[in-house]
Amino acid sequence: MPHSQTSAPRVGPLGGRLARGASPWLLPTVATAALSLTRARKSGRWAAVAVPTTALAAGMLWFFRDPEREIAQGRVISPADGVVQSIMPWKDGRTRVAIFMSPLNVHVNRAPLAGTVTSVEHVPGGFVPAFNKESENNERVVWHFDTELGDIEMVQIAGAVARRIVPYIPQGTKVEQGDRIGLIRFGSRVDIYLPEGVEVAVEVGQATTAGVTRIDRD
């Protein structure tokens, strides 16, 4: 069984899986909506409160969805749902593929390759919008995976609203390609660095799906 999937899934009211790490945001919102709906039957004031709180709870349930995926074949697959923001050659020969995640995307990130997590480093920083160039200095979590392609670096970057990155697994964990490895709450960005000699298969502006879209080309 994949290491990042050993805990029992969080199941939403419609039967869909909910992301781990959602509880601090989701539970108070759903509880408030439930209370307001219950009291709205007897009070017009509570009825007025019930509309926005129920809408907010529904939005939270949608945001924290964590659908099952049929993992694609390929050496490197996308770690995130979103849109390719940039493709940049790096000085050391690697290529950075940056994927911007809007608040409408699924925000559970997945392992781009099978391998072993060799490090998970939290780096403090700012919280400017993830599409801004200055987001290079945002708070982030830097991952390194020991894979068949060598060391693969992946970076989860917080955005203006995404103030919390939740890693699911620690250093030393063995992962299968497509395993869930962490969550970024709300809009944010994920960068993956392809090793020298690995050709990029995606283009700027292309939509990606975590665990499904292939990032490299044979």
Protein backbone atom coordinates (compact mmCIF):
# COMPACT_ATOMS: atom_id res chain seq x y z
CA MET A 1 0.00 0.00 0.00
CA PRO A 2 1.39 3.48 -0.85
CA HIS A 3 2.90 5.07 2.24
CA SER A 4 0.99 8.36 2.02
CA GLN A 5 -2.35 6.58 1.88
CA THR A 6 -2.19 4.38 4.97
CA SER A 7 -4.48 6.50 7.14
CA ALA A 8 -8.25 6.26 6.83
CA PRO A 9 -9.63 8.66 4.23
CA ARG A 10 -11.67 11.66 5.35
CA VAL A 11 -15.06 11.27 3.71
CA GLY A 12 -17.28 14.25 2.92
CA PRO A 13 -21.05 14.41 3.12
CA LEU A 14 -21.39 13.48 -0.56
CA GLY A 15 -19.06 10.51 -0.26
CA GLY A 16 -15.97 12.23 -1.68
CA ARG A 17 -12.61 12.07 0.03
CA LEU A 18 -11.45 15.17 1.91
CA ALA A 19 -7.85 16.28 2.21
CA ARG A 20 -5.87 15.56 5.35
CA GLY A 21 -5.06 18.83 7.11
CA ALA A 22 -8.44 20.38 6.31
CA SER A 23 -9.95 20.01 9.78
CA PRO A 24 -8.80 23.32 11.37
CA TRP A 25 -10.57 25.25 8.61
CA LEU A 26 -13.39 22.89 7.74
CA LEU A 27 -14.82 21.79 11.09
CA PRO A 28 -15.61 25.26 12.52
CA THR A 29 -17.14 26.34 9.21
CA VAL A 30 -19.37 23.27 8.87
CA ALA A 31 -20.35 23.41 12.56
CA THR A 32 -21.39 27.06 12.23
CA ALA A 33 -23.40 26.32 9.10
CA ALA A 34 -25.16 23.39 10.78
CA LEU A 35 -26.00 25.49 13.85
CA SER A 36 -27.35 28.36 11.79
CA LEU A 37 -29.48 26.03 9.65
CA THR A 38 -30.93 24.41 12.77
CA ARG A 39 -31.81 27.74 14.37
CA ALA A 40 -33.02 29.30 11.11
CA ARG A 41 -36.27 27.33 11.43
CA LYS A 42 -37.26 29.47 14.39
CA SER A 43 -35.49 32.76 13.79
CA GLY A 44 -35.34 35.08 10.80
CA ARG A 45 -32.06 36.48 12.06
CA TRP A 46 -30.48 33.04 12.01
CA ALA A 47 -31.95 32.44 8.56
CA ALA A 48 -29.99 35.45 7.31
CA VAL A 49 -26.83 33.99 8.86
CA ALA A 50 -27.49 30.52 7.46
CA VAL A 51 -27.19 31.57 3.82
CA PRO A 52 -23.57 32.84 3.84
CA THR A 53 -22.34 30.26 6.35
CA THR A 54 -23.80 27.39 4.33
CA ALA A 55 -22.30 28.80 1.13
CA LEU A 56 -18.91 29.12 2.86
CA ALA A 57 -19.11 25.55 4.17
CA ALA A 58 -19.96 24.27 0.69
CA GLY A 59 -17.02 26.20 -0.71
CA MET A 60 -14.69 24.71 1.90
CA LEU A 61 -15.89 21.19 1.13
CA TRP A 62 -15.19 21.82 -2.55
CA PHE A 63 -11.78 23.35 -1.90
CA PHE A 64 -10.60 20.52 0.35
CA ARG A 65 -11.74 17.75 -2.00
CA ASP A 66 -9.20 15.01 -2.63
CA PRO A 67 -10.37 12.84 -5.55
CA GLU A 68 -8.94 9.45 -6.34
CA ARG A 69 -6.77 9.41 -9.45
CA GLU A 70 -5.65 6.73 -11.89
CA ILE A 71 -1.92 7.42 -11.89
CA ALA A 72 -0.43 7.91 -15.35
CA GLN A 73 2.58 6.15 -16.83
CA GLY A 74 5.77 8.15 -17.33
CA ARG A 75 9.07 8.97 -15.66
CA VAL A 76 7.90 12.28 -14.14
CA ILE A 77 4.28 13.22 -13.53
CA SER A 78 2.81 16.48 -12.31
CA PRO A 79 2.86 16.95 -8.53
CA ALA A 80 0.04 19.51 -8.66
CA ASP A 81 -3.23 20.53 -10.28
CA GLY A 82 -2.91 23.95 -11.89
CA VAL A 83 -1.41 25.79 -14.85
CA VAL A 84 2.23 25.82 -15.94
CA GLN A 85 3.39 29.33 -15.04
CA SER A 86 6.98 29.15 -16.25
CA ILE A 87 9.64 26.79 -17.59
CA MET A 88 13.12 28.02 -16.72
CA PRO A 89 16.58 26.54 -17.38
CA TRP A 90 18.66 26.55 -14.18
CA LYS A 91 22.37 27.31 -13.89
CA ASP A 92 23.17 23.75 -12.80
CA GLY A 93 21.59 22.25 -15.94
CA ARG A 94 18.23 21.43 -14.41
CA THR A 95 14.91 22.83 -15.67
CA ARG A 96 12.37 24.30 -13.29
CA VAL A 97 8.70 23.82 -14.10
CA ALA A 98 6.50 26.10 -11.98
CA ILE A 99 2.81 25.21 -11.60
CA PHE A 100 0.41 27.84 -10.29
CA MET A 101 -2.53 26.52 -8.25
CA SER A 102 -5.63 28.71 -8.04
CA PRO A 103 -8.15 28.39 -5.18
CA LEU A 104 -10.34 26.35 -7.56
CA ASN A 105 -7.76 23.58 -7.97
CA VAL A 106 -7.35 20.45 -5.87
CA HIS A 107 -4.57 21.37 -3.45
CA VAL A 108 -3.29 17.93 -2.48
CA ASN A 109 0.17 17.40 -3.98
CA ARG A 110 1.54 14.06 -5.17
CA ALA A 111 4.95 12.44 -5.57
CA PRO A 112 6.26 13.05 -9.11
CA LEU A 113 8.33 9.84 -9.07
CA ALA A 114 8.74 6.72 -6.98
CA GLY A 115 11.62 6.90 -4.54
CA THR A 116 12.68 7.82 -1.02
CA VAL A 117 12.16 11.21 0.61
CA THR A 118 15.67 12.30 1.56
CA SER A 119 14.70 15.66 3.06
CA VAL A 120 11.67 17.82 3.90
CA GLU A 121 12.76 21.35 4.81
CA HIS A 122 10.48 24.18 5.92
CA VAL A 123 11.85 27.58 4.88
CA PRO A 124 10.24 30.69 6.45
CA GLY A 125 9.40 33.61 4.18
CA GLY A 126 6.78 36.06 2.94
CA PHE A 127 3.29 35.60 1.54
CA VAL A 128 3.04 37.59 -1.71
CA PRO A 129 0.78 36.19 -4.48
CA ALA A 130 2.24 32.96 -5.88
CA PHE A 131 2.12 34.28 -9.46
CA ASN A 132 4.36 37.21 -8.47
CA LYS A 133 8.10 37.00 -9.17
CA GLU A 134 8.74 37.98 -5.55
CA SER A 135 7.11 34.70 -4.47
CA GLU A 136 10.61 33.18 -4.81
CA ASN A 137 11.05 34.41 -1.23
CA ASN A 138 7.74 33.10 0.09
CA GLU A 139 7.38 30.56 2.86
CA ARG A 140 7.92 27.11 1.36
CA VAL A 141 8.65 23.46 1.94
CA VAL A 142 11.55 22.00 -0.06
CA TRP A 143 11.41 18.27 -0.84
CA HIS A 144 14.18 16.03 -2.17
CA PHE A 145 13.51 12.54 -3.52
CA ASP A 146 16.09 9.86 -4.28
CA THR A 147 14.76 8.34 -7.52
CA GLU A 148 15.84 6.36 -10.56
CA LEU A 149 16.66 9.73 -12.17
CA GLY A 150 18.77 10.76 -9.19
CA ASP A 151 17.89 13.60 -6.83
CA ILE A 152 14.60 15.31 -7.67
CA GLU A 153 13.74 18.59 -5.96
CA MET A 154 10.15 19.77 -5.49
CA VAL A 155 9.10 22.98 -3.73
CA GLN A 156 5.69 23.80 -2.27
CA ILE A 157 5.33 27.60 -2.13
CA ALA A 158 2.78 29.45 -0.02
CA GLY A 159 0.83 32.33 -1.58
CA ALA A 160 -0.95 35.46 -0.36
CA VAL A 161 -3.77 33.40 1.15
CA ALA A 162 -2.06 30.02 1.53
CA ARG A 163 -0.35 30.49 4.87
CA ARG A 164 -0.02 26.83 5.76
CA ILE A 165 1.74 23.97 4.02
CA VAL A 166 0.98 20.55 5.49
CA PRO A 167 3.51 17.79 4.65
CA TYR A 168 1.95 14.33 5.02
CA ILE A 169 5.13 12.27 5.23
CA PRO A 170 8.57 12.64 6.87
CA GLN A 171 12.12 12.21 5.67
CA GLY A 172 12.99 8.58 5.02
CA THR A 173 9.56 7.61 3.68
CA LYS A 174 9.45 5.49 0.54
CA VAL A 175 6.80 6.67 -1.90
CA GLU A 176 5.22 5.33 -5.03
CA GLN A 177 4.68 7.64 -7.97
CA GLY A 178 1.45 9.57 -7.45
CA ASP A 179 1.27 9.08 -3.66
CA ARG A 180 -0.24 11.98 -1.73
CA ILE A 181 2.60 13.83 0.03
CA GLY A 182 1.13 17.11 1.25
CA LEU A 183 -1.39 19.94 1.10
CA ILE A 184 -1.12 23.68 0.48
CA ARG A 185 -4.18 25.56 1.71
CA PHE A 186 -5.64 27.96 -0.88
CA GLY A 187 -3.87 29.54 -3.88
CA SER A 188 -0.19 28.66 -4.19
CA ARG A 189 2.56 27.21 -6.39
CA VAL A 190 4.56 24.02 -6.81
CA ASP A 191 7.94 23.90 -8.56
CA ILE A 192 9.64 20.76 -9.80
CA TYR A 193 13.23 20.62 -11.04
CA LEU A 194 13.91 18.18 -13.87
CA PRO A 195 17.47 16.79 -14.08
CA GLU A 196 19.85 17.83 -16.84
CA GLY A 197 19.05 15.97 -20.06
CA VAL A 198 15.37 15.44 -19.25
CA GLU A 199 13.19 17.19 -21.83
CA VAL A 200 10.05 19.04 -20.74
CA ALA A 201 6.78 17.81 -22.27
CA VAL A 202 4.48 20.60 -21.05
CA GLU A 203 4.14 24.23 -22.18
CA VAL A 204 3.54 27.52 -20.39
CA GLY A 205 -0.20 28.00 -19.97
CA GLN A 206 -0.96 24.28 -20.07
CA ALA A 207 -3.28 22.84 -17.42
CA THR A 208 -1.88 20.01 -15.31
CA THR A 209 -3.47 17.34 -13.14
CA ALA A 210 -1.56 15.87 -10.20
CA GLY A 211 -0.73 12.23 -10.80
CA VAL A 212 -2.02 12.36 -14.37
CA THR A 213 -0.15 14.90 -16.53
CA ARG A 214 3.28 13.77 -17.67
CA ILE A 215 5.94 16.47 -17.22
CA ASP A 216 8.85 14.90 -19.14
CA ARG A 217 9.24 13.54 -22.67
CA ASP A 218 11.03 10.36 -23.77
